[in-house]
């Protein structure tokens, strides 16, 4: 949620976007970077297929989920949540000035 993650992420990462993985003092941000990091550091079983055609399809799906699907889900959520001040204000202000804790 916008607002609630920003104070936490600002303490540990260079940017405020999520997801964030913190491992052995390293900060990895973004789904694709996290998947690559996990494949490199914990390769069994790999998250990304070794077969070139399966790998390509997997990477295309990953990009689609990040860009197309994720954006649309956020828009649907905002459309509904912003019509409910009693829900939206505490969610967007967690940890902020005057927000709910």
N, C-alpha and C. Protein backbone atom coordinates (compact mmCIF):
# COMPACT_ATOMS: atom_id res chain seq x y z
N UNK A 1 0.84 -1.18 0.00
CA UNK A 1 0.00 0.00 0.00
C UNK A 1 0.88 1.23 0.00
N UNK A 2 0.51 2.23 -0.77
CA UNK A 2 1.24 3.49 -0.68
C UNK A 2 1.13 4.02 0.74
N UNK A 3 2.19 4.56 1.20
CA UNK A 3 2.18 5.13 2.54
C UNK A 3 2.74 4.19 3.58
N UNK A 4 2.13 3.03 3.74
CA UNK A 4 2.53 2.14 4.84
C UNK A 4 3.93 1.55 4.67
N UNK A 5 4.35 1.30 3.44
CA UNK A 5 5.66 0.69 3.25
C UNK A 5 6.80 1.70 3.16
N UNK A 6 6.49 2.95 2.88
CA UNK A 6 7.53 3.94 2.60
C UNK A 6 8.52 4.13 3.75
N UNK A 7 8.07 4.35 5.00
CA UNK A 7 9.07 4.54 6.07
C UNK A 7 9.99 3.34 6.25
N UNK A 8 9.45 2.14 6.13
CA UNK A 8 10.26 0.93 6.30
C UNK A 8 11.24 0.80 5.15
N UNK A 9 10.77 0.93 3.92
CA UNK A 9 11.63 0.76 2.76
C UNK A 9 12.71 1.85 2.72
N UNK A 10 12.37 3.09 3.09
CA UNK A 10 13.36 4.17 3.09
C UNK A 10 14.53 3.88 4.03
N UNK A 11 14.27 3.15 5.10
CA UNK A 11 15.34 2.82 6.05
C UNK A 11 16.33 1.82 5.48
N UNK A 12 15.89 0.98 4.55
CA UNK A 12 16.77 -0.12 4.11
C UNK A 12 17.16 -0.08 2.64
N UNK A 13 16.44 0.67 1.81
CA UNK A 13 16.64 0.56 0.36
C UNK A 13 16.83 1.93 -0.28
N UNK A 14 17.46 1.95 -1.46
CA UNK A 14 17.69 3.21 -2.15
C UNK A 14 16.43 3.83 -2.76
N UNK A 15 15.43 3.03 -3.07
CA UNK A 15 14.16 3.51 -3.64
C UNK A 15 13.02 3.04 -2.76
N UNK A 16 11.83 3.60 -2.98
CA UNK A 16 10.70 3.24 -2.12
C UNK A 16 9.79 2.18 -2.72
N UNK A 17 10.13 1.63 -3.89
CA UNK A 17 9.23 0.65 -4.49
C UNK A 17 9.44 -0.73 -3.89
N UNK A 18 8.41 -1.53 -3.97
CA UNK A 18 8.42 -2.89 -3.46
C UNK A 18 8.13 -3.85 -4.61
N UNK A 19 8.44 -5.10 -4.50
CA UNK A 19 8.95 -5.81 -3.34
C UNK A 19 10.44 -5.55 -3.10
N UNK A 20 10.83 -5.82 -1.85
CA UNK A 20 12.22 -5.67 -1.43
C UNK A 20 12.64 -6.96 -0.74
N UNK A 21 13.83 -7.44 -1.09
CA UNK A 21 14.42 -8.58 -0.41
C UNK A 21 15.70 -8.11 0.24
N UNK A 22 15.84 -8.39 1.53
CA UNK A 22 17.08 -8.08 2.24
C UNK A 22 17.71 -9.41 2.61
N UNK A 23 18.94 -9.63 2.13
CA UNK A 23 19.62 -10.90 2.37
C UNK A 23 21.10 -10.65 2.58
N UNK A 24 21.60 -11.06 3.71
CA UNK A 24 23.03 -10.96 4.02
C UNK A 24 23.57 -9.55 3.76
N UNK A 25 22.80 -8.55 4.16
CA UNK A 25 23.25 -7.17 4.00
C UNK A 25 23.02 -6.58 2.63
N UNK A 26 22.52 -7.35 1.71
CA UNK A 26 22.22 -6.85 0.36
C UNK A 26 20.75 -6.52 0.26
N UNK A 27 20.43 -5.48 -0.51
CA UNK A 27 19.05 -5.08 -0.76
C UNK A 27 18.78 -5.30 -2.24
N UNK A 28 17.74 -6.06 -2.54
CA UNK A 28 17.35 -6.33 -3.92
C UNK A 28 15.91 -5.85 -4.06
N UNK A 29 15.66 -4.99 -5.06
CA UNK A 29 14.32 -4.44 -5.26
C UNK A 29 13.79 -4.82 -6.62
N UNK A 30 12.50 -5.15 -6.65
CA UNK A 30 11.83 -5.50 -7.90
C UNK A 30 11.72 -6.99 -8.08
N UNK A 31 10.59 -7.42 -8.59
CA UNK A 31 10.32 -8.85 -8.76
C UNK A 31 11.37 -9.55 -9.60
N UNK A 32 11.70 -8.99 -10.75
CA UNK A 32 12.66 -9.63 -11.64
C UNK A 32 14.03 -9.76 -11.00
N UNK A 33 14.48 -8.69 -10.35
CA UNK A 33 15.80 -8.72 -9.70
C UNK A 33 15.81 -9.73 -8.55
N UNK A 34 14.71 -9.84 -7.83
CA UNK A 34 14.63 -10.80 -6.73
C UNK A 34 14.67 -12.22 -7.26
N UNK A 35 13.93 -12.49 -8.33
CA UNK A 35 13.95 -13.84 -8.93
C UNK A 35 15.35 -14.18 -9.40
N UNK A 36 16.02 -13.26 -10.09
CA UNK A 36 17.40 -13.50 -10.54
C UNK A 36 18.33 -13.75 -9.36
N UNK A 37 18.18 -12.97 -8.31
CA UNK A 37 19.03 -13.13 -7.13
C UNK A 37 18.82 -14.50 -6.48
N UNK A 38 17.56 -14.90 -6.32
CA UNK A 38 17.27 -16.20 -5.72
C UNK A 38 17.82 -17.32 -6.59
N UNK A 39 17.65 -17.22 -7.92
CA UNK A 39 18.20 -18.24 -8.82
C UNK A 39 19.72 -18.34 -8.69
N UNK A 40 20.37 -17.21 -8.50
CA UNK A 40 21.84 -17.19 -8.39
C UNK A 40 22.32 -17.73 -7.04
N UNK A 41 21.60 -17.41 -5.97
CA UNK A 41 22.08 -17.75 -4.63
C UNK A 41 21.44 -19.00 -4.03
N UNK A 42 20.33 -19.43 -4.56
CA UNK A 42 19.67 -20.65 -4.09
C UNK A 42 19.14 -21.39 -5.31
N UNK A 43 20.05 -21.93 -6.11
CA UNK A 43 19.65 -22.43 -7.44
C UNK A 43 18.84 -23.72 -7.47
N UNK A 44 18.65 -24.41 -6.37
CA UNK A 44 17.92 -25.67 -6.42
C UNK A 44 16.65 -25.61 -5.61
N UNK A 45 15.52 -25.79 -6.17
CA UNK A 45 15.25 -25.82 -7.61
C UNK A 45 15.20 -24.38 -8.15
N UNK A 46 15.61 -24.19 -9.38
CA UNK A 46 15.60 -22.84 -9.94
C UNK A 46 14.18 -22.32 -10.15
N UNK A 47 14.01 -21.02 -10.01
CA UNK A 47 12.71 -20.41 -10.27
C UNK A 47 12.50 -20.21 -11.77
N UNK A 48 13.59 -19.97 -12.49
CA UNK A 48 13.52 -19.72 -13.92
C UNK A 48 13.98 -20.98 -14.67
N UNK A 49 13.18 -21.47 -15.61
CA UNK A 49 13.54 -22.69 -16.35
C UNK A 49 14.83 -22.54 -17.14
N UNK A 50 15.56 -23.62 -17.26
CA UNK A 50 16.81 -23.63 -18.03
C UNK A 50 16.53 -23.75 -19.53
N UNK A 51 15.49 -24.48 -19.91
CA UNK A 51 15.14 -24.65 -21.32
C UNK A 51 14.87 -23.28 -21.94
N UNK A 52 15.56 -22.95 -23.05
CA UNK A 52 15.43 -21.61 -23.64
C UNK A 52 14.00 -21.19 -23.99
N UNK A 53 13.19 -22.09 -24.56
CA UNK A 53 11.83 -21.69 -24.92
C UNK A 53 10.97 -21.49 -23.67
N UNK A 54 11.13 -22.38 -22.68
CA UNK A 54 10.38 -22.22 -21.43
C UNK A 54 10.84 -20.97 -20.69
N UNK A 55 12.14 -20.72 -20.74
CA UNK A 55 12.69 -19.52 -20.09
C UNK A 55 12.10 -18.26 -20.71
N UNK A 56 12.05 -18.21 -22.03
CA UNK A 56 11.50 -17.05 -22.73
C UNK A 56 10.04 -16.83 -22.36
N UNK A 57 9.25 -17.90 -22.36
CA UNK A 57 7.83 -17.78 -21.98
C UNK A 57 7.68 -17.32 -20.54
N UNK A 58 8.54 -17.83 -19.66
CA UNK A 58 8.49 -17.45 -18.25
C UNK A 58 8.82 -15.97 -18.08
N UNK A 59 9.84 -15.49 -18.78
CA UNK A 59 10.23 -14.08 -18.68
C UNK A 59 9.15 -13.17 -19.25
N UNK A 60 8.50 -13.60 -20.32
CA UNK A 60 7.39 -12.83 -20.89
C UNK A 60 6.23 -12.75 -19.90
N UNK A 61 5.92 -13.87 -19.26
CA UNK A 61 4.85 -13.89 -18.25
C UNK A 61 5.21 -12.97 -17.08
N UNK A 62 6.43 -13.04 -16.64
CA UNK A 62 6.90 -12.19 -15.54
C UNK A 62 6.73 -10.71 -15.87
N UNK A 63 7.13 -10.32 -17.07
CA UNK A 63 6.98 -8.91 -17.50
C UNK A 63 5.51 -8.53 -17.58
N UNK A 64 4.68 -9.42 -18.12
CA UNK A 64 3.25 -9.14 -18.22
C UNK A 64 2.63 -8.97 -16.83
N UNK A 65 2.99 -9.86 -15.90
CA UNK A 65 2.45 -9.75 -14.54
C UNK A 65 2.89 -8.45 -13.87
N UNK A 66 4.15 -8.08 -14.04
CA UNK A 66 4.65 -6.83 -13.45
C UNK A 66 4.00 -5.60 -14.06
N UNK A 67 3.94 -5.54 -15.37
CA UNK A 67 3.51 -4.32 -16.06
C UNK A 67 2.01 -4.25 -16.29
N UNK A 68 1.45 -5.26 -16.87
CA UNK A 68 0.04 -5.21 -17.27
C UNK A 68 -0.89 -5.61 -16.12
N UNK A 69 -0.72 -6.79 -15.62
CA UNK A 69 -1.63 -7.31 -14.59
C UNK A 69 -1.53 -6.51 -13.31
N UNK A 70 -0.31 -6.30 -12.81
CA UNK A 70 -0.12 -5.58 -11.56
C UNK A 70 -0.69 -4.18 -11.60
N UNK A 71 -0.46 -3.47 -12.70
CA UNK A 71 -0.98 -2.11 -12.84
C UNK A 71 -2.50 -2.11 -12.83
N UNK A 72 -3.10 -3.04 -13.51
CA UNK A 72 -4.57 -3.10 -13.56
C UNK A 72 -5.17 -3.45 -12.20
N UNK A 73 -4.54 -4.36 -11.49
CA UNK A 73 -5.04 -4.72 -10.15
C UNK A 73 -4.96 -3.51 -9.23
N UNK A 74 -3.85 -2.76 -9.28
CA UNK A 74 -3.73 -1.55 -8.45
C UNK A 74 -4.83 -0.55 -8.80
N UNK A 75 -5.10 -0.35 -10.08
CA UNK A 75 -6.14 0.60 -10.48
C UNK A 75 -7.51 0.18 -9.98
N UNK A 76 -7.83 -1.10 -10.07
CA UNK A 76 -9.12 -1.58 -9.57
C UNK A 76 -9.20 -1.35 -8.06
N UNK A 77 -8.13 -1.67 -7.36
CA UNK A 77 -8.12 -1.45 -5.92
C UNK A 77 -8.34 0.02 -5.60
N UNK A 78 -7.57 0.92 -6.23
CA UNK A 78 -7.70 2.35 -5.95
C UNK A 78 -9.11 2.84 -6.28
N UNK A 79 -9.67 2.38 -7.38
CA UNK A 79 -11.02 2.80 -7.77
C UNK A 79 -12.01 2.54 -6.64
N UNK A 80 -11.91 1.36 -6.05
CA UNK A 80 -12.85 1.00 -4.99
C UNK A 80 -12.45 1.59 -3.64
N UNK A 81 -11.18 1.53 -3.29
CA UNK A 81 -10.73 1.99 -1.97
C UNK A 81 -10.91 3.49 -1.80
N UNK A 82 -10.64 4.25 -2.83
CA UNK A 82 -10.70 5.70 -2.69
C UNK A 82 -12.13 6.22 -2.50
N UNK A 83 -13.11 5.40 -2.79
CA UNK A 83 -14.49 5.78 -2.53
C UNK A 83 -14.90 5.55 -1.08
N UNK A 84 -14.00 5.00 -0.27
CA UNK A 84 -14.28 4.71 1.13
C UNK A 84 -13.23 5.40 2.00
N UNK A 85 -13.52 6.65 2.35
CA UNK A 85 -12.57 7.44 3.13
C UNK A 85 -12.15 6.73 4.42
N UNK A 86 -13.09 6.05 5.07
CA UNK A 86 -12.78 5.38 6.33
C UNK A 86 -11.75 4.27 6.14
N UNK A 87 -11.65 3.70 4.97
CA UNK A 87 -10.66 2.69 4.65
C UNK A 87 -9.39 3.33 4.09
N UNK A 88 -9.54 4.23 3.15
CA UNK A 88 -8.40 4.79 2.41
C UNK A 88 -7.49 5.64 3.28
N UNK A 89 -8.04 6.50 4.11
CA UNK A 89 -7.20 7.41 4.88
C UNK A 89 -6.24 6.66 5.81
N UNK A 90 -6.70 5.71 6.61
CA UNK A 90 -5.74 4.98 7.45
C UNK A 90 -4.72 4.17 6.63
N UNK A 91 -5.14 3.57 5.53
CA UNK A 91 -4.20 2.78 4.73
C UNK A 91 -3.11 3.64 4.11
N UNK A 92 -3.48 4.77 3.57
CA UNK A 92 -2.52 5.62 2.89
C UNK A 92 -1.68 6.46 3.84
N UNK A 93 -2.05 6.53 5.11
CA UNK A 93 -1.33 7.36 6.06
C UNK A 93 -0.63 6.58 7.16
N UNK A 94 -0.57 5.29 7.07
CA UNK A 94 0.10 4.51 8.12
C UNK A 94 1.53 5.00 8.26
N UNK A 95 1.88 5.38 9.46
CA UNK A 95 3.24 5.83 9.73
C UNK A 95 3.48 7.27 9.29
N UNK A 96 2.49 7.92 8.68
CA UNK A 96 2.64 9.30 8.25
C UNK A 96 2.09 10.26 9.28
N UNK A 97 2.15 11.52 8.98
CA UNK A 97 1.63 12.53 9.89
C UNK A 97 0.13 12.39 10.03
N UNK A 98 -0.32 12.26 11.23
CA UNK A 98 -1.76 12.19 11.50
C UNK A 98 -2.39 10.87 11.10
N UNK A 99 -1.60 9.89 10.69
CA UNK A 99 -2.16 8.62 10.24
C UNK A 99 -2.32 7.62 11.37
N UNK A 100 -3.04 6.59 11.08
CA UNK A 100 -3.22 5.50 12.05
C UNK A 100 -1.95 4.68 12.12
N UNK A 101 -1.67 4.10 13.26
CA UNK A 101 -0.48 3.25 13.41
C UNK A 101 -0.85 1.80 13.31
